[in-house]
Amino acid sequence: MGGIEGVDAAYDRSRQPARFVAALGLTPGQRVADVGAGLGYFTQRLAEAVGPTGQVVATDINDEAIQRLRARVLGRKNVEVRKVAPDAPGLEAGAYDLILLSEVDHFFGDRVDYLTRLRPALTPQGRIAVTHLRAMRPPLVAAAQSAGYAIVSEYSDLPDHYLLFLRPVVSP
């Protein structure tokens, strides 16, 4: 289910939430999907980054995680929490400037299929940001290439994690 910032200092040092969210390059008014958000480790910071005119849609498949995340973001008008099916992102077409996959891609039954299903949800300039432990990078890169994505940039200033930005090679 992931963590909550401020609960485990070692995890926070590893994840570097402030640095991580800054590296995403979000601007006020953008729409972001936090796919597999769990307890929403980054959800609140994403909501702050996009501001009151932006929106964060946080999804998960786990009822308990959804319930706990809804309680954590209660009163935040720019966060929507959605329960989704394991193989269906549950995101509207053409709506997202950034889709975040944080330590979640190893749960997908088929990475290539899931990444392919995410493509229609991106805006024309939309990106997918993927972060995970460095050892998890090779299978994600292979799946992204098979699903028709190119790595457009990479942020490598995190202690234990990679952060890749993907864009579709062909328009969605």
Protein backbone atom coordinates (compact mmCIF):
# COMPACT_ATOMS: atom_id res chain seq x y z
CA MET A 1 0.00 0.00 0.00
CA GLY A 2 3.01 2.29 0.16
CA GLY A 3 3.87 4.84 2.74
CA ILE A 4 2.84 8.19 4.13
CA GLU A 5 5.38 10.98 4.19
CA GLY A 6 6.65 11.73 7.69
CA VAL A 7 6.04 8.24 9.09
CA ASP A 8 9.34 6.56 8.19
CA ALA A 9 12.35 8.89 8.07
CA ALA A 10 14.53 6.39 6.22
CA TYR A 11 11.89 5.93 3.52
CA ASP A 12 11.52 9.72 3.20
CA ARG A 13 15.30 10.06 2.80
CA SER A 14 15.21 7.40 0.09
CA ARG A 15 12.22 8.86 -1.78
CA GLN A 16 13.11 12.57 -1.37
CA PRO A 17 9.48 13.70 -1.87
CA ALA A 18 10.14 17.44 -2.22
CA ARG A 19 12.99 16.92 -4.70
CA PHE A 20 11.03 14.25 -6.55
CA VAL A 21 7.90 16.36 -7.06
CA ALA A 22 10.03 19.36 -8.09
CA ALA A 23 11.70 17.12 -10.72
CA LEU A 24 8.29 16.40 -12.26
CA GLY A 25 8.15 20.02 -13.46
CA LEU A 26 4.46 20.47 -12.76
CA THR A 27 2.78 23.84 -13.17
CA PRO A 28 -0.44 25.25 -11.71
CA GLY A 29 -3.55 24.17 -13.57
CA GLN A 30 -2.19 20.85 -14.81
CA ARG A 31 -4.05 17.56 -14.46
CA VAL A 32 -2.12 14.62 -13.00
CA ALA A 33 -2.99 10.96 -12.48
CA ASP A 34 -1.31 9.21 -9.55
CA VAL A 35 -1.82 5.60 -10.71
CA GLY A 36 -1.58 2.98 -7.98
CA ALA A 37 -1.45 5.77 -5.42
CA GLY A 38 -1.88 3.45 -2.45
CA LEU A 39 -1.92 5.62 0.66
CA GLY A 40 -0.94 8.60 -1.49
CA TYR A 41 2.72 9.11 -0.64
CA PHE A 42 3.05 11.80 -3.35
CA THR A 43 -0.65 12.72 -3.79
CA GLN A 44 -0.73 15.75 -1.47
CA ARG A 45 2.51 17.18 -2.88
CA LEU A 46 1.19 16.67 -6.42
CA ALA A 47 -1.98 18.55 -5.44
CA GLU A 48 0.11 21.42 -4.07
CA ALA A 49 2.21 21.51 -7.27
CA VAL A 50 -0.81 21.83 -9.59
CA GLY A 51 -2.56 24.27 -7.27
CA PRO A 52 -6.25 24.98 -6.83
CA THR A 53 -6.86 25.22 -10.59
CA GLY A 54 -5.21 21.85 -11.23
CA GLN A 55 -6.40 18.37 -10.41
CA VAL A 56 -4.91 15.11 -9.15
CA VAL A 57 -6.76 11.87 -9.79
CA ALA A 58 -5.37 9.20 -7.46
CA THR A 59 -6.26 5.61 -8.37
CA ASP A 60 -5.81 2.24 -6.71
CA ILE A 61 -7.30 -1.26 -6.76
CA ASN A 62 -7.20 -1.81 -2.98
CA ASP A 63 -10.33 -0.90 -0.99
CA GLU A 64 -8.46 -0.23 2.25
CA ALA A 65 -5.90 2.00 0.53
CA ILE A 66 -8.71 3.92 -1.22
CA GLN A 67 -10.58 4.42 2.06
CA ARG A 68 -7.47 5.61 3.93
CA LEU A 69 -6.40 7.91 1.08
CA ARG A 70 -9.90 9.44 0.86
CA ALA A 71 -9.70 10.22 4.59
CA ARG A 72 -6.25 11.82 4.15
CA VAL A 73 -7.32 14.13 1.31
CA LEU A 74 -10.72 15.03 2.74
CA GLY A 75 -11.38 18.69 2.06
CA ARG A 76 -8.85 18.93 -0.78
CA LYS A 77 -10.96 20.11 -3.68
CA ASN A 78 -8.31 19.34 -6.31
CA VAL A 79 -7.89 15.63 -5.46
CA GLU A 80 -10.21 12.88 -6.65
CA VAL A 81 -9.68 9.32 -5.41
CA ARG A 82 -10.91 6.50 -7.67
CA LYS A 83 -11.06 2.75 -7.31
CA VAL A 84 -10.09 1.04 -10.57
CA ALA A 85 -9.83 -2.50 -11.89
CA PRO A 86 -6.34 -4.10 -11.95
CA ASP A 87 -6.12 -4.02 -15.75
CA ALA A 88 -7.98 -0.76 -16.45
CA PRO A 89 -6.47 2.65 -15.65
CA GLY A 90 -9.91 4.29 -15.33
CA LEU A 91 -8.73 7.61 -16.78
CA GLU A 92 -10.56 9.83 -19.28
CA ALA A 93 -9.12 10.25 -22.78
CA GLY A 94 -6.94 13.25 -23.57
CA ALA A 95 -7.11 14.62 -20.04
CA TYR A 96 -3.72 14.21 -18.31
CA ASP A 97 -0.57 16.31 -18.55
CA LEU A 98 1.31 13.79 -16.40
CA ILE A 99 0.60 10.22 -15.35
CA LEU A 100 2.74 9.08 -12.42
CA LEU A 101 3.60 5.42 -11.88
CA SER A 102 5.42 5.29 -8.55
CA GLU A 103 6.67 1.86 -7.48
CA VAL A 104 3.66 0.26 -9.14
CA ASP A 105 4.60 -1.12 -12.58
CA HIS A 106 5.75 -4.47 -11.17
CA PHE A 107 2.13 -5.10 -10.09
CA PHE A 108 0.77 -4.85 -13.64
CA GLY A 109 -0.23 -8.23 -15.05
CA ASP A 110 1.20 -7.11 -18.41
CA ARG A 111 3.33 -3.93 -18.38
CA VAL A 112 3.13 -3.45 -22.16
CA ASP A 113 -0.66 -3.78 -22.18
CA TYR A 114 -1.09 -1.40 -19.23
CA LEU A 115 1.22 1.23 -20.71
CA THR A 116 -0.68 0.93 -24.00
CA ARG A 117 -3.96 1.49 -22.12
CA LEU A 118 -2.56 4.65 -20.51
CA ARG A 119 -1.69 6.31 -23.83
CA PRO A 120 -5.21 7.60 -24.72
CA ALA A 121 -5.44 9.41 -21.35
CA LEU A 122 -2.51 11.71 -22.16
CA THR A 123 -2.93 15.23 -23.53
CA PRO A 124 -1.01 15.89 -26.78
CA GLN A 125 2.00 17.07 -24.73
CA GLY A 126 1.38 14.64 -21.87
CA ARG A 127 4.08 12.50 -20.29
CA ILE A 128 4.27 9.42 -18.13
CA ALA A 129 6.67 9.62 -15.20
CA VAL A 130 7.88 6.30 -13.82
CA THR A 131 9.86 5.92 -10.63
CA HIS A 132 11.00 2.77 -8.93
CA LEU A 133 14.08 1.22 -7.37
CA ARG A 134 16.94 1.26 -9.88
CA ALA A 135 16.95 -2.55 -10.15
CA MET A 136 13.39 -2.34 -11.54
CA ARG A 137 14.37 -0.07 -14.46
CA PRO A 138 15.25 -2.64 -17.18
CA PRO A 139 11.84 -4.40 -17.37
CA LEU A 140 10.02 -1.07 -17.41
CA VAL A 141 12.23 0.34 -20.18
CA ALA A 142 11.70 -2.78 -22.30
CA ALA A 143 7.92 -2.64 -21.77
CA ALA A 144 7.76 1.09 -22.54
CA GLN A 145 9.61 0.60 -25.82
CA SER A 146 7.35 -2.32 -26.76
CA ALA A 147 4.29 -0.18 -25.94
CA GLY A 148 5.48 2.58 -28.28
CA TYR A 149 7.03 5.05 -25.85
CA ALA A 150 10.35 6.86 -25.96
CA ILE A 151 12.30 7.99 -22.91
CA VAL A 152 12.33 11.78 -23.30
CA SER A 153 14.31 12.53 -20.16
CA GLU A 154 15.61 11.00 -16.97
CA TYR A 155 16.22 12.49 -13.54
CA SER A 156 19.03 10.69 -11.73
CA ASP A 157 19.45 12.73 -8.54
CA LEU A 158 17.51 10.40 -6.24
CA PRO A 159 19.32 8.09 -3.76
CA ASP A 160 17.76 4.72 -4.65
CA HIS A 161 15.21 5.36 -7.40
CA TYR A 162 15.19 6.15 -11.08
CA LEU A 163 12.76 8.66 -12.61
CA LEU A 164 12.02 8.34 -16.31
CA PHE A 165 9.75 10.49 -18.45
CA LEU A 166 8.01 8.71 -21.33
CA ARG A 167 6.11 10.08 -24.32
CA PRO A 168 4.32 8.12 -27.01
CA VAL A 169 6.44 7.72 -30.14
CA VAL A 170 3.30 8.17 -32.22
CA SER A 171 0.40 10.39 -31.19
CA PRO A 172 -2.25 8.69 -29.04
